[in-house]
Amino acid sequence: MSDENSPKPMVPLINPGALFRYRFPLSRFQGSWERGGVELPESAKIPTFAELAGKRPFADVRGAWNDSGLFFTTQVTRKQQVSWCREGMAAESDGLHVWIDTRDTHTIHRASRFCHRFMAAPIGAGKAGIDPYAFMLPINRAREAPKTMTNSRLPVVSKRLPDGYWLALHLPTTVLSGFAPDEQPRLGFFYQVVDRELGSQCWNLGTEFPFAEDPSLWGTLDLG
């Protein structure tokens, strides 16, 4: 029986993630995209600063880069239900959602032509609906779409796990407008892992912020 006089956990009035600007070094990947995707080391793990708000992470997200583009993996665990993924409804589907600004501009509230949105799902494609898929998606209220905007599928691989899934995504330079690591070694960045069973895991801010369309809320990746 609970004690009515026991102290209740405090809920912060402001998401602690909104008080800081986040930067993270993205490791250079020495390998290449293979049929089975890529395996990124523990050192490539991208933290979720949402833990500052007391949220328990359920996904391990990792990233790396080289001259061929960007690489991301995510492993989602603690699941008991099948992920909700629909190829025709990619923006609303469970999976890894990534935002990239190749100019790392934090002074704009509407996406420029250097801002990109991508989504990768572990299932939902193919005749049986069990194949993964990944697409580039438009950003709401964007001033201009990237010149590399495409409806083509992106390289993605997924594996079923007993309590979830593992997924790898490759973003080649052909879909990254303005990607020039030697000249611009910083990227604006945000990620969200969506899961109807487990909730939402974001890099820093929660879903009460309009990060999906506002690049000023994104953090920074340093291409080391």
C-alpha atoms as a PDB file:
ATOM      1  CA  MET A   1       0.000   0.000   0.000  1.00  0.00           C
ATOM      2  CA  SER A   2       1.388   3.398  -0.965  1.00  0.00           C
ATOM      3  CA  ASP A   3       2.126   6.057   1.617  1.00  0.00           C
ATOM      4  CA  GLU A   4       0.191   9.247   0.878  1.00  0.00           C
ATOM      5  CA  ASN A   5       2.830  11.232   2.769  1.00  0.00           C
ATOM      6  CA  SER A   6       5.753   9.825   0.775  1.00  0.00           C
ATOM      7  CA  PRO A   7       7.467  12.347  -1.534  1.00  0.00           C
ATOM      8  CA  LYS A   8       6.296  12.317  -5.147  1.00  0.00           C
ATOM      9  CA  PRO A   9       8.851  12.362  -7.983  1.00  0.00           C
ATOM     10  CA  MET A  10       9.380  15.864  -9.294  1.00  0.00           C
ATOM     11  CA  VAL A  11       8.462  16.566 -12.901  1.00  0.00           C
ATOM     12  CA  PRO A  12      10.686  19.299 -14.385  1.00  0.00           C
ATOM     13  CA  LEU A  13       8.821  22.356 -15.632  1.00  0.00           C
ATOM     14  CA  ILE A  14      11.287  22.615 -18.525  1.00  0.00           C
ATOM     15  CA  ASN A  15      12.800  19.682 -20.386  1.00  0.00           C
ATOM     16  CA  PRO A  16      16.487  19.761 -19.287  1.00  0.00           C
ATOM     17  CA  GLY A  17      17.447  18.918 -22.863  1.00  0.00           C
ATOM     18  CA  ALA A  18      16.281  22.377 -23.938  1.00  0.00           C
ATOM     19  CA  LEU A  19      18.851  24.110 -21.745  1.00  0.00           C
ATOM     20  CA  PHE A  20      21.933  23.025 -23.672  1.00  0.00           C
ATOM     21  CA  ARG A  21      23.253  22.832 -27.228  1.00  0.00           C
ATOM     22  CA  TYR A  22      24.535  19.354 -27.949  1.00  0.00           C
ATOM     23  CA  ARG A  23      27.625  18.348 -29.917  1.00  0.00           C
ATOM     24  CA  PHE A  24      28.887  14.842 -30.494  1.00  0.00           C
ATOM     25  CA  PRO A  25      31.976  13.560 -32.386  1.00  0.00           C
ATOM     26  CA  LEU A  26      31.009  11.206 -35.200  1.00  0.00           C
ATOM     27  CA  SER A  27      33.693   8.601 -35.874  1.00  0.00           C
ATOM     28  CA  ARG A  28      35.163   8.024 -39.309  1.00  0.00           C
ATOM     29  CA  PHE A  29      34.181   4.585 -40.620  1.00  0.00           C
ATOM     30  CA  GLN A  30      36.943   2.607 -42.298  1.00  0.00           C
ATOM     31  CA  GLY A  31      34.668   0.035 -43.890  1.00  0.00           C
ATOM     32  CA  SER A  32      31.960   0.185 -46.531  1.00  0.00           C
ATOM     33  CA  TRP A  33      28.298  -0.689 -46.907  1.00  0.00           C
ATOM     34  CA  GLU A  34      27.892  -4.418 -47.459  1.00  0.00           C
ATOM     35  CA  ARG A  35      24.986  -6.708 -48.225  1.00  0.00           C
ATOM     36  CA  GLY A  36      24.503  -7.195 -44.502  1.00  0.00           C
ATOM     37  CA  GLY A  37      24.800  -3.495 -43.733  1.00  0.00           C
ATOM     38  CA  VAL A  38      27.490  -2.305 -41.331  1.00  0.00           C
ATOM     39  CA  GLU A  39      28.478  -3.166 -37.783  1.00  0.00           C
ATOM     40  CA  LEU A  40      29.461  -0.062 -35.839  1.00  0.00           C
ATOM     41  CA  PRO A  41      31.528  -0.342 -32.627  1.00  0.00           C
ATOM     42  CA  GLU A  42      30.497   0.698 -29.131  1.00  0.00           C
ATOM     43  CA  SER A  43      32.564   3.860 -29.551  1.00  0.00           C
ATOM     44  CA  ALA A  44      30.132   4.975 -32.281  1.00  0.00           C
ATOM     45  CA  LYS A  45      27.163   4.984 -29.887  1.00  0.00           C
ATOM     46  CA  ILE A  46      25.232   8.264 -29.924  1.00  0.00           C
ATOM     47  CA  PRO A  47      23.912   9.112 -26.453  1.00  0.00           C
ATOM     48  CA  THR A  48      20.325  10.087 -25.754  1.00  0.00           C
ATOM     49  CA  PHE A  49      20.350  13.182 -23.601  1.00  0.00           C
ATOM     50  CA  ALA A  50      16.643  12.578 -22.985  1.00  0.00           C
ATOM     51  CA  GLU A  51      17.868  10.659 -19.941  1.00  0.00           C
ATOM     52  CA  LEU A  52      18.252  14.081 -18.339  1.00  0.00           C
ATOM     53  CA  ALA A  53      14.445  14.182 -18.263  1.00  0.00           C
ATOM     54  CA  GLY A  54      14.328  10.801 -16.535  1.00  0.00           C
ATOM     55  CA  LYS A  55      13.408   8.746 -19.610  1.00  0.00           C
ATOM     56  CA  ARG A  56      14.808   5.224 -19.877  1.00  0.00           C
ATOM     57  CA  PRO A  57      16.278   4.535 -23.325  1.00  0.00           C
ATOM     58  CA  PHE A  58      15.130   1.464 -25.253  1.00  0.00           C
ATOM     59  CA  ALA A  59      17.266   1.900 -28.382  1.00  0.00           C
ATOM     60  CA  ASP A  60      21.006   1.763 -28.993  1.00  0.00           C
ATOM     61  CA  VAL A  61      21.739   4.271 -31.789  1.00  0.00           C
ATOM     62  CA  ARG A  62      25.173   4.486 -33.437  1.00  0.00           C
ATOM     63  CA  GLY A  63      26.607   6.583 -36.246  1.00  0.00           C
ATOM     64  CA  ALA A  64      29.704   7.023 -38.399  1.00  0.00           C
ATOM     65  CA  TRP A  65      30.777   8.659 -41.636  1.00  0.00           C
ATOM     66  CA  ASN A  66      33.264   8.481 -44.493  1.00  0.00           C
ATOM     67  CA  ASP A  67      33.581   9.932 -47.970  1.00  0.00           C
ATOM     68  CA  SER A  68      30.687   7.763 -49.203  1.00  0.00           C
ATOM     69  CA  GLY A  69      28.200   9.269 -46.744  1.00  0.00           C
ATOM     70  CA  LEU A  70      26.699   8.552 -43.336  1.00  0.00           C
ATOM     71  CA  PHE A  71      25.943   5.284 -41.556  1.00  0.00           C
ATOM     72  CA  PHE A  72      23.522   4.654 -38.710  1.00  0.00           C
ATOM     73  CA  THR A  73      22.454   1.582 -36.783  1.00  0.00           C
ATOM     74  CA  THR A  74      19.830   1.121 -34.111  1.00  0.00           C
ATOM     75  CA  GLN A  75      18.960  -1.825 -31.913  1.00  0.00           C
ATOM     76  CA  VAL A  76      15.569  -1.741 -30.222  1.00  0.00           C
ATOM     77  CA  THR A  77      14.931  -4.121 -27.320  1.00  0.00           C
ATOM     78  CA  ARG A  78      12.311  -4.883 -24.635  1.00  0.00           C
ATOM     79  CA  LYS A  79       9.578  -5.321 -27.264  1.00  0.00           C
ATOM     80  CA  GLN A  80       6.715  -7.790 -27.026  1.00  0.00           C
ATOM     81  CA  GLN A  81       4.708  -6.561 -29.998  1.00  0.00           C
ATOM     82  CA  VAL A  82       5.417  -6.329 -33.719  1.00  0.00           C
ATOM     83  CA  SER A  83       6.507  -2.889 -34.917  1.00  0.00           C
ATOM     84  CA  TRP A  84       3.889  -0.775 -36.710  1.00  0.00           C
ATOM     85  CA  CYS A  85       5.426  -0.015 -40.124  1.00  0.00           C
ATOM     86  CA  ARG A  86       3.683   0.920 -43.371  1.00  0.00           C
ATOM     87  CA  GLU A  87       5.680   1.685 -46.496  1.00  0.00           C
ATOM     88  CA  GLY A  88       2.963   4.060 -47.678  1.00  0.00           C
ATOM     89  CA  MET A  89       2.979   5.865 -44.315  1.00  0.00           C
ATOM     90  CA  ALA A  90       6.699   6.152 -43.653  1.00  0.00           C
ATOM     91  CA  ALA A  91       6.511   9.417 -41.721  1.00  0.00           C
ATOM     92  CA  GLU A  92       4.170   7.840 -39.152  1.00  0.00           C
ATOM     93  CA  SER A  93       5.856   4.423 -38.971  1.00  0.00           C
ATOM     94  CA  ASP A  94       7.925   2.874 -36.200  1.00  0.00           C
ATOM     95  CA  GLY A  95      11.658   2.999 -36.815  1.00  0.00           C
ATOM     96  CA  LEU A  96      14.614   5.359 -36.978  1.00  0.00           C
ATOM     97  CA  HIS A  97      13.967   8.957 -38.064  1.00  0.00           C
ATOM     98  CA  VAL A  98      17.001  11.152 -38.795  1.00  0.00           C
ATOM     99  CA  TRP A  99      17.369  14.861 -39.603  1.00  0.00           C
ATOM    100  CA  ILE A 100      20.577  16.249 -41.149  1.00  0.00           C
ATOM    101  CA  ASP A 101      21.632  19.829 -41.928  1.00  0.00           C
ATOM    102  CA  THR A 102      24.862  19.842 -43.927  1.00  0.00           C
ATOM    103  CA  ARG A 103      25.446  23.504 -42.980  1.00  0.00           C
ATOM    104  CA  ASP A 104      24.771  23.102 -39.233  1.00  0.00           C
ATOM    105  CA  THR A 105      22.729  26.302 -39.115  1.00  0.00           C
ATOM    106  CA  HIS A 106      21.002  26.932 -35.785  1.00  0.00           C
ATOM    107  CA  THR A 107      19.609  30.377 -36.527  1.00  0.00           C
ATOM    108  CA  ILE A 108      16.742  29.308 -38.801  1.00  0.00           C
ATOM    109  CA  HIS A 109      13.351  27.935 -37.806  1.00  0.00           C
ATOM    110  CA  ARG A 110      12.409  26.646 -41.259  1.00  0.00           C
ATOM    111  CA  ALA A 111      14.461  24.076 -43.139  1.00  0.00           C
ATOM    112  CA  SER A 112      16.795  25.253 -45.906  1.00  0.00           C
ATOM    113  CA  ARG A 113      17.863  23.331 -49.003  1.00  0.00           C
ATOM    114  CA  PHE A 114      20.656  21.808 -46.923  1.00  0.00           C
ATOM    115  CA  CYS A 115      18.228  20.204 -44.458  1.00  0.00           C
ATOM    116  CA  HIS A 116      17.151  16.597 -44.900  1.00  0.00           C
ATOM    117  CA  ARG A 117      14.834  14.104 -43.278  1.00  0.00           C
ATOM    118  CA  PHE A 118      15.191  10.327 -43.537  1.00  0.00           C
ATOM    119  CA  MET A 119      13.270   7.379 -42.148  1.00  0.00           C
ATOM    120  CA  ALA A 120      14.123   3.665 -41.904  1.00  0.00           C
ATOM    121  CA  ALA A 121      11.743   0.903 -40.783  1.00  0.00           C
ATOM    122  CA  PRO A 122      12.619  -2.717 -39.886  1.00  0.00           C
ATOM    123  CA  ILE A 123       9.573  -4.215 -41.658  1.00  0.00           C
ATOM    124  CA  GLY A 124       6.602  -3.104 -43.744  1.00  0.00           C
ATOM    125  CA  ALA A 125       7.786  -3.568 -47.335  1.00  0.00           C
ATOM    126  CA  GLY A 126       7.610  -6.439 -49.811  1.00  0.00           C
ATOM    127  CA  LYS A 127       4.691  -8.711 -50.650  1.00  0.00           C
ATOM    128  CA  ALA A 128       4.636 -10.227 -47.166  1.00  0.00           C
ATOM    129  CA  GLY A 129       5.325  -6.908 -45.443  1.00  0.00           C
ATOM    130  CA  ILE A 130       8.419  -8.272 -43.687  1.00  0.00           C
ATOM    131  CA  ASP A 131      11.144  -6.414 -45.587  1.00  0.00           C
ATOM    132  CA  PRO A 132      12.765  -3.201 -44.325  1.00  0.00           C
ATOM    133  CA  TYR A 133      12.520   0.100 -46.165  1.00  0.00           C
ATOM    134  CA  ALA A 134      14.067   3.561 -45.976  1.00  0.00           C
ATOM    135  CA  PHE A 135      13.127   6.832 -47.663  1.00  0.00           C
ATOM    136  CA  MET A 136      13.977  10.493 -47.786  1.00  0.00           C
ATOM    137  CA  LEU A 137      10.986  12.508 -46.584  1.00  0.00           C
ATOM    138  CA  PRO A 138       9.985  16.149 -47.047  1.00  0.00           C
ATOM    139  CA  ILE A 139      10.265  18.513 -44.086  1.00  0.00           C
ATOM    140  CA  ASN A 140       7.125  20.377 -43.168  1.00  0.00           C
ATOM    141  CA  ARG A 141       7.261  24.163 -43.735  1.00  0.00           C
ATOM    142  CA  ALA A 142      10.683  23.935 -45.441  1.00  0.00           C
ATOM    143  CA  ARG A 143      11.681  27.047 -47.381  1.00  0.00           C
ATOM    144  CA  GLU A 144      13.224  24.880 -50.071  1.00  0.00           C
ATOM    145  CA  ALA A 145      13.699  21.154 -50.655  1.00  0.00           C
ATOM    146  CA  PRO A 146      17.208  19.729 -51.092  1.00  0.00           C
ATOM    147  CA  LYS A 147      18.352  19.382 -54.701  1.00  0.00           C
ATOM    148  CA  THR A 148      18.973  15.725 -53.880  1.00  0.00           C
ATOM    149  CA  MET A 149      15.346  15.081 -52.888  1.00  0.00           C
ATOM    150  CA  THR A 150      14.347  11.638 -54.115  1.00  0.00           C
ATOM    151  CA  ASN A 151      11.536   9.107 -53.802  1.00  0.00           C
ATOM    152  CA  SER A 152      13.951   6.214 -54.321  1.00  0.00           C
ATOM    153  CA  ARG A 153      14.555   3.678 -51.587  1.00  0.00           C
ATOM    154  CA  LEU A 154      17.718   4.033 -49.533  1.00  0.00           C
ATOM    155  CA  PRO A 155      20.095   1.221 -48.489  1.00  0.00           C
ATOM    156  CA  VAL A 156      18.754  -0.472 -45.351  1.00  0.00           C
ATOM    157  CA  VAL A 157      19.131  -3.853 -43.643  1.00  0.00           C
ATOM    158  CA  SER A 158      17.301  -5.249 -40.631  1.00  0.00           C
ATOM    159  CA  LYS A 159      17.408  -8.346 -38.444  1.00  0.00           C
ATOM    160  CA  ARG A 160      14.792  -9.728 -36.106  1.00  0.00           C
ATOM    161  CA  LEU A 161      15.764 -10.172 -32.465  1.00  0.00           C
ATOM    162  CA  PRO A 162      13.917 -12.148 -29.762  1.00  0.00           C
ATOM    163  CA  ASP A 163      12.784  -8.901 -28.128  1.00  0.00           C
ATOM    164  CA  GLY A 164      13.073  -6.363 -30.940  1.00  0.00           C
ATOM    165  CA  TYR A 165      15.165  -5.658 -34.002  1.00  0.00           C
ATOM    166  CA  TRP A 166      18.491  -4.386 -35.325  1.00  0.00           C
ATOM    167  CA  LEU A 167      18.592  -2.005 -38.283  1.00  0.00           C
ATOM    168  CA  ALA A 168      21.358  -0.423 -40.381  1.00  0.00           C
ATOM    169  CA  LEU A 169      20.911   2.597 -42.673  1.00  0.00           C
ATOM    170  CA  HIS A 170      23.243   4.162 -45.233  1.00  0.00           C
ATOM    171  CA  LEU A 171      22.820   7.750 -46.401  1.00  0.00           C
ATOM    172  CA  PRO A 172      25.028   8.061 -49.504  1.00  0.00           C
ATOM    173  CA  THR A 173      26.412  11.421 -50.592  1.00  0.00           C
ATOM    174  CA  THR A 174      23.991  11.398 -53.532  1.00  0.00           C
ATOM    175  CA  VAL A 175      21.120  12.202 -51.142  1.00  0.00           C
ATOM    176  CA  LEU A 176      23.047  14.644 -48.909  1.00  0.00           C
ATOM    177  CA  SER A 177      22.936  18.067 -50.549  1.00  0.00           C
ATOM    178  CA  GLY A 178      25.986  20.085 -49.551  1.00  0.00           C
ATOM    179  CA  PHE A 179      27.836  17.214 -47.861  1.00  0.00           C
ATOM    180  CA  ALA A 180      31.503  18.325 -47.914  1.00  0.00           C
ATOM    181  CA  PRO A 181      33.353  17.150 -44.772  1.00  0.00           C
ATOM    182  CA  ASP A 182      36.637  18.874 -45.711  1.00  0.00           C
ATOM    183  CA  GLU A 183      34.947  22.256 -46.075  1.00  0.00           C
ATOM    184  CA  GLN A 184      32.098  21.836 -43.583  1.00  0.00           C
ATOM    185  CA  PRO A 185      33.104  19.357 -40.847  1.00  0.00           C
ATOM    186  CA  ARG A 186      29.926  19.872 -38.783  1.00  0.00           C
ATOM    187  CA  LEU A 187      26.397  18.653 -39.389  1.00  0.00           C
ATOM    188  CA  GLY A 188      23.135  19.705 -37.792  1.00  0.00           C
ATOM    189  CA  PHE A 189      21.591  16.521 -36.427  1.00  0.00           C
ATOM    190  CA  PHE A 190      18.586  15.078 -34.643  1.00  0.00           C
ATOM    191  CA  TYR A 191      17.224  11.568 -34.288  1.00  0.00           C
ATOM    192  CA  GLN A 192      14.039   9.982 -33.015  1.00  0.00           C
ATOM    193  CA  VAL A 193      13.326   6.286 -32.586  1.00  0.00           C
ATOM    194  CA  VAL A 194       9.574   5.806 -32.796  1.00  0.00           C
ATOM    195  CA  ASP A 195       7.831   2.762 -31.336  1.00  0.00           C
ATOM    196  CA  ARG A 196       4.112   2.521 -30.655  1.00  0.00           C
ATOM    197  CA  GLU A 197       4.751  -0.002 -27.879  1.00  0.00           C
ATOM    198  CA  LEU A 198       7.725   1.607 -26.128  1.00  0.00           C
ATOM    199  CA  GLY A 199       7.216   5.258 -26.979  1.00  0.00           C
ATOM    200  CA  SER A 200       9.617   7.798 -28.434  1.00  0.00           C
ATOM    201  CA  GLN A 201      13.366   8.087 -27.842  1.00  0.00           C
ATOM    202  CA  CYS A 202      14.938  11.339 -29.022  1.00  0.00           C
ATOM    203  CA  TRP A 203      18.468  12.660 -28.973  1.00  0.00           C
ATOM    204  CA  ASN A 204      17.704  15.408 -26.484  1.00  0.00           C
ATOM    205  CA  LEU A 205      14.302  17.098 -26.776  1.00  0.00           C
ATOM    206  CA  GLY A 206      10.910  15.472 -26.403  1.00  0.00           C
ATOM    207  CA  THR A 207       7.931  15.411 -28.721  1.00  0.00           C
ATOM    208  CA  GLU A 208       6.568  18.596 -27.129  1.00  0.00           C
ATOM    209  CA  PHE A 209       9.124  20.469 -29.291  1.00  0.00           C
ATOM    210  CA  PRO A 210       8.723  20.913 -33.087  1.00  0.00           C
ATOM    211  CA  PHE A 211      12.098  19.382 -33.917  1.00  0.00           C
ATOM    212  CA  ALA A 212      10.693  17.695 -37.036  1.00  0.00           C
ATOM    213  CA  GLU A 213      10.541  21.051 -38.831  1.00  0.00           C
ATOM    214  CA  ASP A 214      12.749  23.453 -36.817  1.00  0.00           C
ATOM    215  CA  PRO A 215      16.537  23.108 -37.447  1.00  0.00           C
ATOM    216  CA  SER A 216      17.324  25.525 -34.596  1.00  0.00           C
ATOM    217  CA  LEU A 217      16.435  22.691 -32.201  1.00  0.00           C
ATOM    218  CA  TRP A 218      18.908  20.211 -33.668  1.00  0.00           C
ATOM    219  CA  GLY A 219      22.324  19.438 -32.225  1.00  0.00           C
ATOM    220  CA  THR A 220      25.703  19.119 -33.940  1.00  0.00           C
ATOM    221  CA  LEU A 221      27.796  16.210 -35.163  1.00  0.00           C
ATOM    222  CA  ASP A 222      31.530  16.833 -35.522  1.00  0.00           C
ATOM    223  CA  LEU A 223      33.068  14.828 -38.352  1.00  0.00           C
ATOM    224  CA  GLY A 224      36.364  13.856 -36.775  1.00  0.00           C
END
